[in-house]
N, C-alpha and C. Protein backbone atom coordinates (compact mmCIF):
# COMPACT_ATOMS: atom_id res chain seq x y z
N MET A 1 -75.53 342.32 203.24
CA MET A 1 -74.85 344.10 204.02
C MET A 1 -73.41 343.66 204.81
N GLY A 2 -74.41 342.49 205.57
CA GLY A 2 -73.47 341.84 206.80
C GLY A 2 -72.13 341.19 206.52
N ARG A 3 -71.76 341.18 204.38
CA ARG A 3 -70.61 340.06 204.48
C ARG A 3 -69.47 341.46 204.59
N THR A 4 -70.24 343.07 203.60
CA THR A 4 -69.61 344.59 203.60
C THR A 4 -69.31 344.54 204.83
N ARG A 5 -69.66 344.85 205.56
CA ARG A 5 -69.24 345.18 208.06
C ARG A 5 -68.42 343.82 207.41
N ASP A 6 -68.61 343.32 207.29
CA ASP A 6 -67.32 342.00 207.77
C ASP A 6 -65.88 342.15 207.12
N CYS A 7 -66.28 342.67 206.09
CA CYS A 7 -65.34 342.78 205.10
C CYS A 7 -64.59 344.45 204.85
N LEU A 8 -65.14 345.10 205.51
CA LEU A 8 -65.51 346.64 205.91
C LEU A 8 -64.56 346.65 207.67
N ALA A 9 -64.65 345.61 208.75
CA ALA A 9 -64.10 345.65 209.70
C ALA A 9 -62.51 345.58 210.17
N MET A 10 -62.00 344.37 208.96
CA MET A 10 -60.58 343.77 209.06
C MET A 10 -60.39 345.11 208.31
N LYS A 11 -60.52 346.52 207.23
CA LYS A 11 -60.13 346.93 206.41
C LYS A 11 -58.94 348.79 206.93
N THR A 12 -58.18 348.70 207.14
CA THR A 12 -58.08 350.12 208.04
C THR A 12 -58.89 351.46 207.19
N LYS A 13 -58.30 352.11 207.26
CA LYS A 13 -58.90 353.53 207.07
C LYS A 13 -58.36 354.19 205.93
N GLY A 14 -56.90 353.47 205.39
CA GLY A 14 -56.12 353.85 204.13
C GLY A 14 -56.16 352.99 203.55
N GLU A 15 -56.92 351.85 203.19
CA GLU A 15 -57.20 351.07 202.11
C GLU A 15 -58.31 351.31 202.12
N ILE A 16 -59.31 351.48 202.56
CA ILE A 16 -60.30 351.72 202.42
C ILE A 16 -60.27 353.30 201.25
N GLU A 17 -59.77 354.16 201.91
CA GLU A 17 -59.32 355.14 201.09
C GLU A 17 -58.44 355.01 199.84
N ALA A 18 -57.46 354.11 199.63
CA ALA A 18 -56.41 354.01 198.71
C ALA A 18 -57.09 352.78 197.54
N GLU A 19 -59.04 352.30 198.01
CA GLU A 19 -60.08 351.57 197.46
C GLU A 19 -61.24 352.81 196.80
N ILE A 20 -61.18 353.84 197.54
CA ILE A 20 -62.39 354.43 196.96
C ILE A 20 -61.17 354.95 195.52
N THR A 21 -59.81 355.85 195.87
CA THR A 21 -59.16 356.53 194.21
C THR A 21 -59.06 355.93 193.34
N GLU A 22 -58.63 354.17 193.92
CA GLU A 22 -59.40 353.10 192.57
C GLU A 22 -60.24 353.62 191.71
N ALA A 23 -61.40 353.50 192.67
CA ALA A 23 -62.51 353.30 192.06
C ALA A 23 -62.77 354.53 191.09
N ILE A 24 -62.77 355.75 191.78
CA ILE A 24 -62.31 357.21 191.08
C ILE A 24 -62.40 357.42 189.69
N VAL A 25 -60.31 356.67 189.94
CA VAL A 25 -59.63 356.56 189.13
C VAL A 25 -60.13 355.94 187.90
N LYS A 26 -60.55 354.38 188.22
CA LYS A 26 -61.58 354.28 186.83
C LYS A 26 -62.71 354.57 186.49
N PHE A 27 -63.46 355.05 186.99
CA PHE A 27 -64.64 356.09 186.31
C PHE A 27 -64.23 356.77 185.62
N GLU A 28 -63.04 357.21 186.42
CA GLU A 28 -62.71 358.61 185.42
C GLU A 28 -61.77 358.81 184.20
N MET A 29 -61.65 357.38 183.88
CA MET A 29 -61.44 356.29 182.39
C MET A 29 -62.29 356.60 181.57
N GLU A 30 -62.76 355.48 182.55
CA GLU A 30 -64.15 354.83 181.72
C GLU A 30 -65.18 356.72 181.11
N TYR A 31 -66.33 357.10 182.09
CA TYR A 31 -66.80 358.02 181.76
C TYR A 31 -66.62 359.21 181.38
N MET A 32 -64.64 359.78 181.77
CA MET A 32 -64.95 361.30 181.35
C MET A 32 -63.74 360.64 179.54
N GLY A 33 -63.20 359.62 179.42
CA GLY A 33 -61.77 359.08 178.58
C GLY A 33 -60.70 359.32 178.49
N ARG A 34 -60.35 359.94 180.24
CA ARG A 34 -58.71 359.79 180.80
C ARG A 34 -58.86 359.67 181.88
N GLY A 35 -57.91 359.31 182.97
CA GLY A 35 -57.68 359.49 184.36
C GLY A 35 -57.00 360.16 185.08
N PRO A 36 -57.13 360.79 186.27
CA PRO A 36 -56.58 361.67 186.61
C PRO A 36 -54.79 361.84 186.02
N LYS A 37 -53.37 362.68 186.35
CA LYS A 37 -52.50 362.18 186.66
C LYS A 37 -52.05 361.80 187.32
N GLU A 38 -52.60 362.36 188.82
CA GLU A 38 -52.70 362.27 190.97
C GLU A 38 -54.07 362.32 190.63
N ALA A 39 -54.11 361.11 192.43
CA ALA A 39 -55.22 361.17 192.29
C ALA A 39 -55.33 360.70 194.16
N ARG A 40 -56.61 361.42 194.31
CA ARG A 40 -56.01 361.31 196.06
C ARG A 40 -56.79 361.24 196.63
N THR A 41 -57.88 360.59 197.94
CA THR A 41 -59.28 360.25 199.00
C THR A 41 -58.40 360.55 200.81
N HIS A 42 -59.33 360.99 200.84
CA HIS A 42 -59.37 361.46 202.11
C HIS A 42 -61.05 361.21 203.25
N ILE A 43 -61.17 360.21 203.54
CA ILE A 43 -61.96 359.67 204.81
C ILE A 43 -61.88 360.92 206.24
N ILE A 44 -63.31 362.43 206.23
CA ILE A 44 -63.12 363.09 207.52
C ILE A 44 -64.61 362.58 207.88
N GLU A 45 -65.16 362.57 208.92
CA GLU A 45 -65.92 362.02 209.94
C GLU A 45 -66.80 361.71 208.82
N ASP A 46 -67.88 362.19 208.61
CA ASP A 46 -69.48 362.26 207.22
C ASP A 46 -68.79 362.48 205.93
N MET A 47 -67.57 362.80 205.30
CA MET A 47 -66.76 362.90 204.49
C MET A 47 -65.88 362.07 203.94
N VAL A 48 -66.44 361.79 202.34
CA VAL A 48 -64.94 361.08 201.55
C VAL A 48 -64.62 362.46 200.40
N LEU A 49 -64.12 362.68 200.96
CA LEU A 49 -63.22 363.97 199.83
C LEU A 49 -62.19 363.89 198.23
N VAL A 50 -62.32 364.22 197.15
CA VAL A 50 -61.73 363.27 196.53
C VAL A 50 -61.06 364.46 195.58
N ARG A 51 -59.44 364.03 195.65
CA ARG A 51 -58.86 364.88 194.76
C ARG A 51 -58.13 364.68 193.26
N LEU A 52 -58.38 365.21 192.62
CA LEU A 52 -57.72 364.87 191.03
C LEU A 52 -57.15 366.02 190.26
N GLN A 53 -55.70 365.50 190.40
CA GLN A 53 -55.22 366.60 189.74
C GLN A 53 -53.93 366.00 188.20
N GLY A 54 -54.53 366.84 187.12
CA GLY A 54 -53.96 366.78 185.99
C GLY A 54 -55.79 365.59 184.73
N VAL A 55 -56.66 366.62 185.05
CA VAL A 55 -57.32 365.62 184.42
C VAL A 55 -58.48 366.34 183.64
N LEU A 56 -57.59 367.30 182.97
CA LEU A 56 -58.01 368.05 181.72
C LEU A 56 -57.49 367.30 180.42
N THR A 57 -58.41 367.04 179.38
CA THR A 57 -58.27 366.47 178.17
C THR A 57 -57.66 367.28 177.36
N PRO A 58 -56.74 367.35 176.37
CA PRO A 58 -55.85 367.20 175.94
C PRO A 58 -57.56 369.14 174.59
N ALA A 59 -57.96 368.18 174.37
CA ALA A 59 -59.52 369.21 173.54
C ALA A 59 -58.91 370.51 175.14
N GLU A 60 -59.94 369.62 175.93
CA GLU A 60 -60.37 371.01 176.93
C GLU A 60 -59.48 371.50 177.25
N GLN A 61 -57.91 371.57 176.90
CA GLN A 61 -56.71 372.31 177.37
C GLN A 61 -57.25 373.70 176.96
N GLN A 62 -57.57 373.16 176.15
CA GLN A 62 -56.92 373.94 173.94
C GLN A 62 -58.92 375.01 174.49
N LEU A 63 -60.26 374.32 175.28
CA LEU A 63 -60.88 374.96 175.23
C LEU A 63 -60.77 376.40 176.83
N THR A 64 -60.11 376.07 177.12
CA THR A 64 -59.87 376.87 178.64
C THR A 64 -58.96 378.29 178.38
N LYS A 65 -59.36 378.71 177.10
CA LYS A 65 -58.32 379.24 176.47
C LYS A 65 -59.71 380.73 176.03
N SER A 66 -60.06 380.31 176.50
CA SER A 66 -61.61 381.17 175.99
C SER A 66 -63.21 380.95 177.38
N VAL A 67 -63.53 382.32 177.92
CA VAL A 67 -64.62 382.46 178.68
C VAL A 67 -65.63 381.19 177.97
N ASP A 68 -66.05 381.02 176.70
CA ASP A 68 -67.34 380.13 176.16
C ASP A 68 -66.70 378.59 176.65
N GLY A 69 -65.25 378.54 176.59
CA GLY A 69 -64.85 377.33 176.53
C GLY A 69 -64.67 376.81 177.91
N VAL A 70 -64.79 377.47 179.05
CA VAL A 70 -64.52 376.58 180.56
C VAL A 70 -65.59 376.86 180.81
N GLU A 71 -66.79 377.38 180.42
CA GLU A 71 -67.97 376.80 180.52
C GLU A 71 -68.52 375.49 180.25
N LEU A 72 -68.25 376.10 178.70
CA LEU A 72 -68.02 374.82 178.55
C LEU A 72 -68.12 373.25 179.12
N ILE A 73 -66.99 373.54 179.19
CA ILE A 73 -65.95 372.05 180.02
C ILE A 73 -66.92 371.69 181.50
N LYS A 74 -67.17 373.12 182.27
CA LYS A 74 -67.77 372.99 183.22
C LYS A 74 -68.98 372.65 183.27
N LYS A 75 -69.80 372.69 182.07
CA LYS A 75 -71.33 372.43 182.07
C LYS A 75 -70.81 371.18 181.51
N MET A 76 -69.78 370.19 180.33
CA MET A 76 -70.18 369.07 179.99
C MET A 76 -69.51 368.73 181.24
N ARG A 77 -68.47 368.67 182.83
CA ARG A 77 -68.05 367.75 184.02
C ARG A 77 -68.93 368.02 184.36
N SER A 78 -70.08 368.14 184.81
CA SER A 78 -70.96 369.21 185.87
C SER A 78 -72.69 367.71 185.22
N THR A 79 -73.05 367.62 183.82
CA THR A 79 -73.83 366.61 183.26
C THR A 79 -73.39 365.71 183.55
N LEU A 80 -72.06 364.92 183.06
CA LEU A 80 -71.25 363.78 183.12
C LEU A 80 -71.50 363.07 184.62
N ILE A 81 -71.23 363.91 185.47
CA ILE A 81 -71.06 363.64 186.92
C ILE A 81 -72.75 363.61 187.64
N GLU A 82 -73.05 364.19 187.67
CA GLU A 82 -74.92 364.46 188.24
C GLU A 82 -75.95 363.04 187.07
N SER A 83 -75.60 362.48 185.57
CA SER A 83 -76.01 361.21 185.23
C SER A 83 -75.62 360.62 185.62
N ALA A 84 -73.69 360.14 186.25
CA ALA A 84 -73.08 359.60 186.75
C ALA A 84 -73.82 358.66 188.16
N LYS A 85 -74.11 360.11 188.77
CA LYS A 85 -74.13 359.85 190.36
C LYS A 85 -74.47 358.69 190.70
N PRO A 86 -75.63 358.27 190.80
CA PRO A 86 -76.20 356.55 191.43
C PRO A 86 -74.98 355.40 191.40
N ILE A 87 -73.98 355.67 190.24
CA ILE A 87 -73.37 355.03 190.34
C ILE A 87 -72.35 355.20 190.82
N LEU A 88 -71.62 356.50 191.17
CA LEU A 88 -70.70 357.11 192.38
C LEU A 88 -71.46 357.01 193.24
N PHE A 89 -72.16 356.88 194.00
CA PHE A 89 -73.58 355.97 195.20
C PHE A 89 -72.56 354.50 195.50
N GLN A 90 -72.99 353.93 194.29
CA GLN A 90 -72.97 352.19 194.19
C GLN A 90 -71.91 352.42 194.46
N VAL A 91 -70.70 352.42 194.42
CA VAL A 91 -69.21 352.41 194.45
C VAL A 91 -68.94 352.82 195.96
N ILE A 92 -69.32 353.65 196.08
CA ILE A 92 -68.88 354.66 197.48
C ILE A 92 -69.36 353.29 198.67
N GLY A 93 -70.91 353.49 198.16
CA GLY A 93 -71.89 352.34 199.67
C GLY A 93 -71.05 350.98 199.22
N ASP A 94 -70.72 350.46 197.63
CA ASP A 94 -70.16 348.59 197.83
C ASP A 94 -68.64 348.72 199.04
N ILE A 95 -67.94 350.89 198.70
CA ILE A 95 -66.55 349.89 199.30
C ILE A 95 -66.25 350.02 201.03
N THR A 96 -67.68 351.22 201.48
CA THR A 96 -67.25 351.82 202.86
C THR A 96 -68.42 350.90 203.63
N GLY A 97 -69.22 350.17 202.78
CA GLY A 97 -70.46 349.98 203.97
C GLY A 97 -71.47 351.09 204.34
N VAL A 98 -71.49 352.25 203.75
CA VAL A 98 -71.77 353.91 204.50
C VAL A 98 -72.22 354.38 203.11
N ARG A 99 -74.05 354.53 203.38
CA ARG A 99 -74.90 354.57 202.40
C ARG A 99 -74.33 356.88 202.45
N ALA A 100 -73.63 356.68 200.62
CA ALA A 100 -73.39 357.94 199.90
C ALA A 100 -74.98 359.02 200.13
N VAL A 101 -74.96 359.84 201.03
CA VAL A 101 -76.11 360.75 200.36
C VAL A 101 -76.05 362.19 199.57
N GLY A 102 -74.36 362.92 199.63
CA GLY A 102 -74.85 363.74 198.90
C GLY A 102 -73.37 363.62 197.97
N LEU A 103 -73.19 364.85 196.85
CA LEU A 103 -72.25 364.41 195.98
C LEU A 103 -71.74 365.82 195.59
N TYR A 104 -70.92 366.40 195.47
CA TYR A 104 -70.31 368.52 195.30
C TYR A 104 -69.22 368.27 195.12
N THR A 105 -69.44 368.81 193.27
CA THR A 105 -67.87 368.85 192.64
C THR A 105 -67.50 369.94 192.09
N ASP A 106 -66.28 370.44 191.46
CA ASP A 106 -66.19 371.52 190.90
C ASP A 106 -64.40 370.59 190.26
N ILE A 107 -64.24 371.21 189.32
CA ILE A 107 -62.99 371.38 188.52
C ILE A 107 -63.13 372.42 188.01
N SER A 108 -61.16 372.88 188.38
CA SER A 108 -60.44 373.96 187.77
C SER A 108 -59.49 373.58 186.43
N THR A 109 -60.53 375.55 185.56
CA THR A 109 -60.14 374.96 184.56
C THR A 109 -58.05 375.76 184.00
N VAL A 110 -59.06 376.10 185.24
CA VAL A 110 -56.46 376.34 185.96
C VAL A 110 -55.73 376.28 186.00
N SER A 111 -56.11 374.88 186.98
CA SER A 111 -54.89 373.61 187.51
C SER A 111 -55.24 372.71 187.75
N GLY A 112 -56.23 372.46 186.61
CA GLY A 112 -56.66 371.21 186.22
C GLY A 112 -57.10 370.15 187.06
N GLU A 113 -57.64 370.76 188.28
CA GLU A 113 -57.44 369.79 189.46
C GLU A 113 -59.39 369.75 189.28
N ARG A 114 -59.98 368.32 189.79
CA ARG A 114 -61.21 368.41 190.12
C ARG A 114 -61.25 367.68 191.87
N ILE A 115 -62.56 368.44 192.34
CA ILE A 115 -62.73 367.87 194.18
C ILE A 115 -63.50 367.37 193.92
N ILE A 116 -64.27 365.87 194.23
CA ILE A 116 -65.03 365.63 194.29
C ILE A 116 -65.70 365.37 195.64
N ALA A 117 -66.62 365.56 196.59
CA ALA A 117 -67.30 365.30 198.02
C ALA A 117 -68.55 365.01 197.98
N PHE A 118 -68.47 363.18 198.98
CA PHE A 118 -69.12 362.85 198.99
C PHE A 118 -70.41 362.89 200.20
N THR A 119 -71.05 363.32 200.72
CA THR A 119 -71.39 362.96 202.24
C THR A 119 -72.02 361.54 203.01
N LEU A 120 -71.47 361.14 203.50
CA LEU A 120 -72.35 359.97 204.05
C LEU A 120 -73.62 359.72 204.82
N ASP A 121 -74.25 359.39 204.83
CA ASP A 121 -75.20 359.21 206.66
C ASP A 121 -75.05 358.72 207.24
N ARG A 122 -74.04 358.84 208.20
CA ARG A 122 -73.13 359.03 208.71
C ARG A 122 -72.01 358.69 208.92
N ASP A 123 -70.86 359.15 210.42
CA ASP A 123 -69.94 358.80 211.16
C ASP A 123 -68.71 357.97 210.19
N LEU A 124 -68.17 357.78 208.93
CA LEU A 124 -67.46 356.73 209.13
C LEU A 124 -66.32 356.90 209.54
N GLU A 125 -65.31 357.81 209.70
CA GLU A 125 -64.19 357.44 210.69
C GLU A 125 -63.76 357.27 211.69
N SER A 126 -64.95 357.00 212.21
CA SER A 126 -64.94 357.10 213.18
C SER A 126 -64.47 355.38 213.49
N THR A 127 -65.79 355.39 212.64
CA THR A 127 -65.50 353.43 213.08
C THR A 127 -64.11 352.44 213.25
N LEU A 128 -63.04 353.37 211.95
CA LEU A 128 -62.51 353.01 211.25
C LEU A 128 -60.60 352.88 211.84
N PRO A 129 -60.27 351.96 211.95
CA PRO A 129 -59.25 351.37 212.73
C PRO A 129 -58.39 352.10 211.63
N ARG A 130 -56.32 352.60 212.02
CA ARG A 130 -56.02 354.11 211.19
C ARG A 130 -55.02 352.71 210.98
N LYS A 131 -55.15 351.44 211.60
CA LYS A 131 -53.22 350.56 211.58
C LYS A 131 -53.79 349.52 211.36
N LYS A 132 -53.64 348.34 210.47
CA LYS A 132 -54.15 347.32 210.66
C LYS A 132 -53.73 346.37 212.13
N ILE A 133 -54.85 345.25 212.95
CA ILE A 133 -54.40 344.82 214.03
C ILE A 133 -53.52 343.44 213.65
N PRO A 134 -52.05 343.11 214.72
CA PRO A 134 -51.98 342.20 214.24
C PRO A 134 -52.64 340.81 214.92
């Protein structure tokens, strides 16, 4: 853990956000079968907010045409995320050095956008430099 903190102390907020984005995109590709078209992460006090755009597969896009299909997509995605929660918590902890204590997510079958919010056990943002110190 000390080593993680030392490495973390050298990273800026933007670098950590980029690292989280990269890890979540990799997760989406490995677990969901495809990555998003765009992804962005924001650290806000004791939360990590990840916004993924263009996450629906072509098959899921076809399913969005019916109410039953929309429910199926939401249930399937929710179940997959719930089963992968320990992996995602580990990823966030490894990158930030802070323990994730909650995970909340939803997907819009209209816009093809997914939001993932992690809550942390303490305020991470206030401990991070915004720019590299020369």
